[in-house]
Amino acid sequence: MKKIAFLFVAMVAMFSTVSAQNLTLEGSWVKLKEAGTYTMEVVYTDMKIEDQTVEEFLKTQDEKFNNAWATEIVPQSAQYATFIPYYANGKFTLDLANPQYKFVLKVNRLKLGFAGGAFIPFAGAKAGGANISGTMEFYDVKSGELLGNMTFENIQGVSAASDAQRWGMSYYDLGRRLKKALKKAK
């Protein structure tokens, strides 16, 4: 039993180390450690889904999914994304009227994941969460100066029933990882 517990702890430690390596900060992120107000712009222009363009991916889906994509999935996931700075620092608040800072999130790649975890014989377990890669820029609104740039790869959220929730949970995980990275930021 002790061997199983040790293996479990070792696997969690290994996963934590590997997952922390897929987020890179450049520039100065110190201001994100303070209290402040922000706005968020989410850009999906050059995004690939499951290694296809958005248009190609939507052609492979049914009409119900295509209708939900524009009216529910994309708008809801963008709402989740607006809270990334808040997840990183609870003293940061969203202010669309008079923000001090602006974040521009660009998602380059998305894998939507599954509604639940699955065990596939001879292939192992498969996590259900969405997986995202892209960049996020951090600007001072008054000066227009780019303060910092973050690159992230393979950020995976947890499983959830809806596509928007799975996608949103990957944004939550991105905020948590940003919080850890900010502890070392200059």
C-alpha atoms as a PDB file:
ATOM      1  CA  MET A   1       0.000   0.000   0.000  1.00  0.00           C
ATOM      2  CA  LYS A   2       2.878   2.378   0.802  1.00  0.00           C
ATOM      3  CA  LYS A   3       4.367   1.703  -2.646  1.00  0.00           C
ATOM      4  CA  ILE A   4       1.090   2.678  -4.335  1.00  0.00           C
ATOM      5  CA  ALA A   5       0.854   5.878  -2.285  1.00  0.00           C
ATOM      6  CA  PHE A   6       4.477   6.734  -3.116  1.00  0.00           C
ATOM      7  CA  LEU A   7       3.888   6.111  -6.839  1.00  0.00           C
ATOM      8  CA  PHE A   8       0.785   8.304  -6.751  1.00  0.00           C
ATOM      9  CA  VAL A   9       2.669  11.155  -5.042  1.00  0.00           C
ATOM     10  CA  ALA A  10       5.570  10.783  -7.486  1.00  0.00           C
ATOM     11  CA  MET A  11       3.193  10.915 -10.475  1.00  0.00           C
ATOM     12  CA  VAL A  12       1.448  14.035  -9.129  1.00  0.00           C
ATOM     13  CA  ALA A  13       4.817  15.732  -8.532  1.00  0.00           C
ATOM     14  CA  MET A  14       5.998  14.802 -12.018  1.00  0.00           C
ATOM     15  CA  PHE A  15       2.751  16.082 -13.588  1.00  0.00           C
ATOM     16  CA  SER A  16       3.005  19.339 -11.641  1.00  0.00           C
ATOM     17  CA  THR A  17       6.574  19.907 -12.804  1.00  0.00           C
ATOM     18  CA  VAL A  18       5.792  19.189 -16.446  1.00  0.00           C
ATOM     19  CA  SER A  19       2.624  21.286 -16.451  1.00  0.00           C
ATOM     20  CA  ALA A  20       4.363  24.305 -14.968  1.00  0.00           C
ATOM     21  CA  GLN A  21       6.754  24.327 -17.908  1.00  0.00           C
ATOM     22  CA  ASN A  22       4.070  25.183 -20.478  1.00  0.00           C
ATOM     23  CA  LEU A  23       3.634  28.830 -19.474  1.00  0.00           C
ATOM     24  CA  THR A  24       6.271  31.470 -20.263  1.00  0.00           C
ATOM     25  CA  LEU A  25       6.223  35.116 -19.128  1.00  0.00           C
ATOM     26  CA  GLU A  26       8.203  37.862 -20.865  1.00  0.00           C
ATOM     27  CA  GLY A  27       8.384  41.531 -19.897  1.00  0.00           C
ATOM     28  CA  SER A  28       7.244  43.010 -16.589  1.00  0.00           C
ATOM     29  CA  TRP A  29       4.239  41.480 -14.865  1.00  0.00           C
ATOM     30  CA  VAL A  30       4.849  43.177 -11.490  1.00  0.00           C
ATOM     31  CA  LYS A  31       1.804  45.443 -11.858  1.00  0.00           C
ATOM     32  CA  LEU A  32      -0.430  42.376 -11.996  1.00  0.00           C
ATOM     33  CA  LYS A  33       0.683  41.586  -8.427  1.00  0.00           C
ATOM     34  CA  GLU A  34      -0.951  44.839  -7.214  1.00  0.00           C
ATOM     35  CA  ALA A  35      -4.626  45.802  -7.085  1.00  0.00           C
ATOM     36  CA  GLY A  36      -5.976  47.221 -10.322  1.00  0.00           C
ATOM     37  CA  THR A  37      -8.744  47.338 -12.892  1.00  0.00           C
ATOM     38  CA  TYR A  38      -8.678  45.701 -16.307  1.00  0.00           C
ATOM     39  CA  THR A  39     -10.516  44.826 -19.471  1.00  0.00           C
ATOM     40  CA  MET A  40     -10.074  41.694 -21.588  1.00  0.00           C
ATOM     41  CA  GLU A  41     -10.162  41.232 -25.350  1.00  0.00           C
ATOM     42  CA  VAL A  42     -10.455  37.638 -26.540  1.00  0.00           C
ATOM     43  CA  VAL A  43      -9.280  36.862 -30.100  1.00  0.00           C
ATOM     44  CA  TYR A  44     -10.094  33.609 -31.869  1.00  0.00           C
ATOM     45  CA  THR A  45      -9.166  34.766 -35.413  1.00  0.00           C
ATOM     46  CA  ASP A  46      -6.378  32.265 -36.188  1.00  0.00           C
ATOM     47  CA  MET A  47      -7.593  29.460 -33.934  1.00  0.00           C
ATOM     48  CA  LYS A  48      -7.361  25.810 -34.954  1.00  0.00           C
ATOM     49  CA  ILE A  49      -9.761  23.285 -33.425  1.00  0.00           C
ATOM     50  CA  GLU A  50      -8.636  19.670 -33.340  1.00  0.00           C
ATOM     51  CA  ASP A  51      -5.923  20.707 -35.873  1.00  0.00           C
ATOM     52  CA  GLN A  52      -8.476  22.118 -38.352  1.00  0.00           C
ATOM     53  CA  THR A  53      -9.534  25.688 -39.102  1.00  0.00           C
ATOM     54  CA  VAL A  54     -12.762  26.707 -37.347  1.00  0.00           C
ATOM     55  CA  GLU A  55     -14.617  26.545 -40.679  1.00  0.00           C
ATOM     56  CA  GLU A  56     -13.325  23.027 -41.439  1.00  0.00           C
ATOM     57  CA  PHE A  57     -14.166  21.837 -37.931  1.00  0.00           C
ATOM     58  CA  LEU A  58     -17.716  23.220 -38.049  1.00  0.00           C
ATOM     59  CA  LYS A  59     -18.366  21.383 -41.345  1.00  0.00           C
ATOM     60  CA  THR A  60     -17.810  18.101 -39.474  1.00  0.00           C
ATOM     61  CA  GLN A  61     -20.394  18.959 -36.802  1.00  0.00           C
ATOM     62  CA  ASP A  62     -24.180  18.696 -36.834  1.00  0.00           C
ATOM     63  CA  GLU A  63     -26.577  21.641 -37.149  1.00  0.00           C
ATOM     64  CA  LYS A  64     -27.336  21.745 -33.415  1.00  0.00           C
ATOM     65  CA  PHE A  65     -23.633  22.134 -32.563  1.00  0.00           C
ATOM     66  CA  ASN A  66     -23.108  24.769 -35.279  1.00  0.00           C
ATOM     67  CA  ASN A  67     -26.012  26.847 -33.944  1.00  0.00           C
ATOM     68  CA  ALA A  68     -24.717  26.550 -30.374  1.00  0.00           C
ATOM     69  CA  TRP A  69     -21.150  27.428 -31.438  1.00  0.00           C
ATOM     70  CA  ALA A  70     -21.875  31.076 -32.279  1.00  0.00           C
ATOM     71  CA  THR A  71     -24.703  31.720 -29.832  1.00  0.00           C
ATOM     72  CA  GLU A  72     -23.546  29.850 -26.709  1.00  0.00           C
ATOM     73  CA  ILE A  73     -20.152  28.135 -26.790  1.00  0.00           C
ATOM     74  CA  VAL A  74     -17.910  30.989 -28.017  1.00  0.00           C
ATOM     75  CA  PRO A  75     -19.628  33.813 -26.022  1.00  0.00           C
ATOM     76  CA  GLN A  76     -19.718  31.770 -22.800  1.00  0.00           C
ATOM     77  CA  SER A  77     -16.088  30.680 -23.084  1.00  0.00           C
ATOM     78  CA  ALA A  78     -15.056  34.304 -23.707  1.00  0.00           C
ATOM     79  CA  GLN A  79     -16.853  35.259 -20.489  1.00  0.00           C
ATOM     80  CA  TYR A  80     -14.793  32.675 -18.594  1.00  0.00           C
ATOM     81  CA  ALA A  81     -11.626  34.120 -20.167  1.00  0.00           C
ATOM     82  CA  THR A  82     -12.352  37.601 -18.793  1.00  0.00           C
ATOM     83  CA  PHE A  83     -11.629  36.296 -15.286  1.00  0.00           C
ATOM     84  CA  ILE A  84      -8.066  35.036 -15.939  1.00  0.00           C
ATOM     85  CA  PRO A  85      -6.464  38.146 -14.296  1.00  0.00           C
ATOM     86  CA  TYR A  86      -8.850  37.782 -11.342  1.00  0.00           C
ATOM     87  CA  TYR A  87      -7.910  34.085 -10.933  1.00  0.00           C
ATOM     88  CA  ALA A  88      -4.245  35.169 -10.926  1.00  0.00           C
ATOM     89  CA  ASN A  89      -4.789  37.994  -8.407  1.00  0.00           C
ATOM     90  CA  GLY A  90      -8.092  38.407  -6.543  1.00  0.00           C
ATOM     91  CA  LYS A  91      -7.340  42.143  -6.107  1.00  0.00           C
ATOM     92  CA  PHE A  92      -7.743  42.717  -9.867  1.00  0.00           C
ATOM     93  CA  THR A  93     -11.283  43.668 -10.900  1.00  0.00           C
ATOM     94  CA  LEU A  94     -12.975  43.830 -14.286  1.00  0.00           C
ATOM     95  CA  ASP A  95     -13.845  47.413 -15.320  1.00  0.00           C
ATOM     96  CA  LEU A  96     -15.041  47.972 -18.881  1.00  0.00           C
ATOM     97  CA  ALA A  97     -15.563  51.732 -18.447  1.00  0.00           C
ATOM     98  CA  ASN A  98     -12.253  52.911 -16.980  1.00  0.00           C
ATOM     99  CA  PRO A  99      -9.619  50.134 -16.883  1.00  0.00           C
ATOM    100  CA  GLN A 100      -5.980  50.671 -15.954  1.00  0.00           C
ATOM    101  CA  TYR A 101      -4.822  47.620 -17.911  1.00  0.00           C
ATOM    102  CA  LYS A 102      -5.868  45.688 -20.979  1.00  0.00           C
ATOM    103  CA  PHE A 103      -5.304  42.000 -21.641  1.00  0.00           C
ATOM    104  CA  VAL A 104      -5.456  40.557 -25.146  1.00  0.00           C
ATOM    105  CA  LEU A 105      -5.915  36.784 -25.140  1.00  0.00           C
ATOM    106  CA  LYS A 106      -5.265  34.971 -28.434  1.00  0.00           C
ATOM    107  CA  VAL A 107      -6.161  31.295 -28.546  1.00  0.00           C
ATOM    108  CA  ASN A 108      -4.246  29.581 -31.362  1.00  0.00           C
ATOM    109  CA  ARG A 109      -5.263  25.984 -30.713  1.00  0.00           C
ATOM    110  CA  LEU A 110      -8.231  24.348 -29.004  1.00  0.00           C
ATOM    111  CA  LYS A 111      -9.128  20.751 -28.316  1.00  0.00           C
ATOM    112  CA  LEU A 112     -12.650  20.633 -26.908  1.00  0.00           C
ATOM    113  CA  GLY A 113     -12.230  17.472 -24.848  1.00  0.00           C
ATOM    114  CA  PHE A 114     -14.988  15.135 -23.699  1.00  0.00           C
ATOM    115  CA  ALA A 115     -18.040  15.354 -21.468  1.00  0.00           C
ATOM    116  CA  GLY A 116     -16.396  12.944 -19.040  1.00  0.00           C
ATOM    117  CA  GLY A 117     -13.190  11.127 -18.441  1.00  0.00           C
ATOM    118  CA  ALA A 118     -12.906   7.851 -20.330  1.00  0.00           C
ATOM    119  CA  PHE A 119     -10.877   4.673 -20.069  1.00  0.00           C
ATOM    120  CA  ILE A 120      -9.886   3.323 -23.454  1.00  0.00           C
ATOM    121  CA  PRO A 121      -8.667  -0.294 -23.451  1.00  0.00           C
ATOM    122  CA  PHE A 122      -4.976  -0.599 -24.392  1.00  0.00           C
ATOM    123  CA  ALA A 123      -4.679   3.205 -24.617  1.00  0.00           C
ATOM    124  CA  GLY A 124      -5.202   4.210 -20.990  1.00  0.00           C
ATOM    125  CA  ALA A 125      -7.299   6.915 -19.390  1.00  0.00           C
ATOM    126  CA  LYS A 126      -8.255  10.031 -21.277  1.00  0.00           C
ATOM    127  CA  ALA A 127      -8.979  13.294 -19.463  1.00  0.00           C
ATOM    128  CA  GLY A 128     -12.152  15.095 -20.423  1.00  0.00           C
ATOM    129  CA  GLY A 129     -11.108  18.738 -20.216  1.00  0.00           C
ATOM    130  CA  ALA A 130     -10.528  21.169 -23.075  1.00  0.00           C
ATOM    131  CA  ASN A 131      -6.932  21.954 -23.984  1.00  0.00           C
ATOM    132  CA  ILE A 132      -5.761  25.423 -25.150  1.00  0.00           C
ATOM    133  CA  SER A 133      -2.587  27.044 -26.462  1.00  0.00           C
ATOM    134  CA  GLY A 134      -1.911  30.680 -27.334  1.00  0.00           C
ATOM    135  CA  THR A 135      -0.671  34.023 -26.019  1.00  0.00           C
ATOM    136  CA  MET A 136      -1.839  36.795 -23.704  1.00  0.00           C
ATOM    137  CA  GLU A 137      -0.525  40.372 -23.828  1.00  0.00           C
ATOM    138  CA  PHE A 138      -0.681  42.801 -20.890  1.00  0.00           C
ATOM    139  CA  TYR A 139      -0.949  46.553 -21.702  1.00  0.00           C
ATOM    140  CA  ASP A 140      -1.024  49.811 -19.738  1.00  0.00           C
ATOM    141  CA  VAL A 141      -4.165  51.540 -21.071  1.00  0.00           C
ATOM    142  CA  LYS A 142      -2.970  55.159 -20.527  1.00  0.00           C
ATOM    143  CA  SER A 143       0.385  54.806 -22.265  1.00  0.00           C
ATOM    144  CA  GLY A 144      -0.527  51.941 -24.609  1.00  0.00           C
ATOM    145  CA  GLU A 145       2.745  50.292 -23.554  1.00  0.00           C
ATOM    146  CA  LEU A 146       3.039  46.508 -23.783  1.00  0.00           C
ATOM    147  CA  LEU A 147       4.034  45.483 -20.242  1.00  0.00           C
ATOM    148  CA  GLY A 148       4.238  41.735 -20.718  1.00  0.00           C
ATOM    149  CA  ASN A 149       3.586  38.805 -22.974  1.00  0.00           C
ATOM    150  CA  MET A 150       2.648  35.289 -21.909  1.00  0.00           C
ATOM    151  CA  THR A 151       2.848  32.184 -24.078  1.00  0.00           C
ATOM    152  CA  PHE A 152       0.971  29.086 -22.969  1.00  0.00           C
ATOM    153  CA  GLU A 153       0.699  25.570 -24.382  1.00  0.00           C
ATOM    154  CA  ASN A 154      -1.479  22.592 -23.592  1.00  0.00           C
ATOM    155  CA  ILE A 155      -3.363  24.135 -20.676  1.00  0.00           C
ATOM    156  CA  GLN A 156      -6.007  21.573 -19.811  1.00  0.00           C
ATOM    157  CA  GLY A 157      -9.091  22.182 -17.734  1.00  0.00           C
ATOM    158  CA  VAL A 158     -11.241  19.549 -16.090  1.00  0.00           C
ATOM    159  CA  SER A 159     -14.134  17.652 -17.569  1.00  0.00           C
ATOM    160  CA  ALA A 160     -17.548  19.305 -17.638  1.00  0.00           C
ATOM    161  CA  ALA A 161     -20.900  18.641 -19.302  1.00  0.00           C
ATOM    162  CA  SER A 162     -20.839  21.473 -21.853  1.00  0.00           C
ATOM    163  CA  ASP A 163     -18.193  22.508 -24.387  1.00  0.00           C
ATOM    164  CA  ALA A 164     -18.217  26.083 -23.047  1.00  0.00           C
ATOM    165  CA  GLN A 165     -17.661  24.902 -19.461  1.00  0.00           C
ATOM    166  CA  ARG A 166     -14.760  22.611 -20.455  1.00  0.00           C
ATOM    167  CA  TRP A 167     -13.194  25.467 -22.434  1.00  0.00           C
ATOM    168  CA  GLY A 168     -13.828  27.825 -19.517  1.00  0.00           C
ATOM    169  CA  MET A 169     -12.167  25.481 -17.046  1.00  0.00           C
ATOM    170  CA  SER A 170      -8.990  25.579 -19.136  1.00  0.00           C
ATOM    171  CA  TYR A 171      -9.047  29.392 -18.705  1.00  0.00           C
ATOM    172  CA  TYR A 172      -9.429  28.884 -14.949  1.00  0.00           C
ATOM    173  CA  ASP A 173      -6.377  26.587 -14.997  1.00  0.00           C
ATOM    174  CA  LEU A 174      -4.476  29.205 -17.037  1.00  0.00           C
ATOM    175  CA  GLY A 175      -5.270  31.809 -14.343  1.00  0.00           C
ATOM    176  CA  ARG A 176      -4.065  29.462 -11.591  1.00  0.00           C
ATOM    177  CA  ARG A 177      -0.808  28.816 -13.453  1.00  0.00           C
ATOM    178  CA  LEU A 178      -0.355  32.555 -14.027  1.00  0.00           C
ATOM    179  CA  LYS A 179      -0.782  33.076 -10.270  1.00  0.00           C
ATOM    180  CA  LYS A 180       2.058  30.616  -9.586  1.00  0.00           C
ATOM    181  CA  ALA A 181       4.269  32.227 -12.244  1.00  0.00           C
ATOM    182  CA  LEU A 182       3.623  35.713 -10.801  1.00  0.00           C
ATOM    183  CA  LYS A 183       5.288  34.707  -7.546  1.00  0.00           C
ATOM    184  CA  LYS A 184       8.579  34.579  -9.486  1.00  0.00           C
ATOM    185  CA  ALA A 185       7.808  37.485 -11.865  1.00  0.00           C
ATOM    186  CA  LYS A 186       9.794  40.706 -11.884  1.00  0.00           C
END
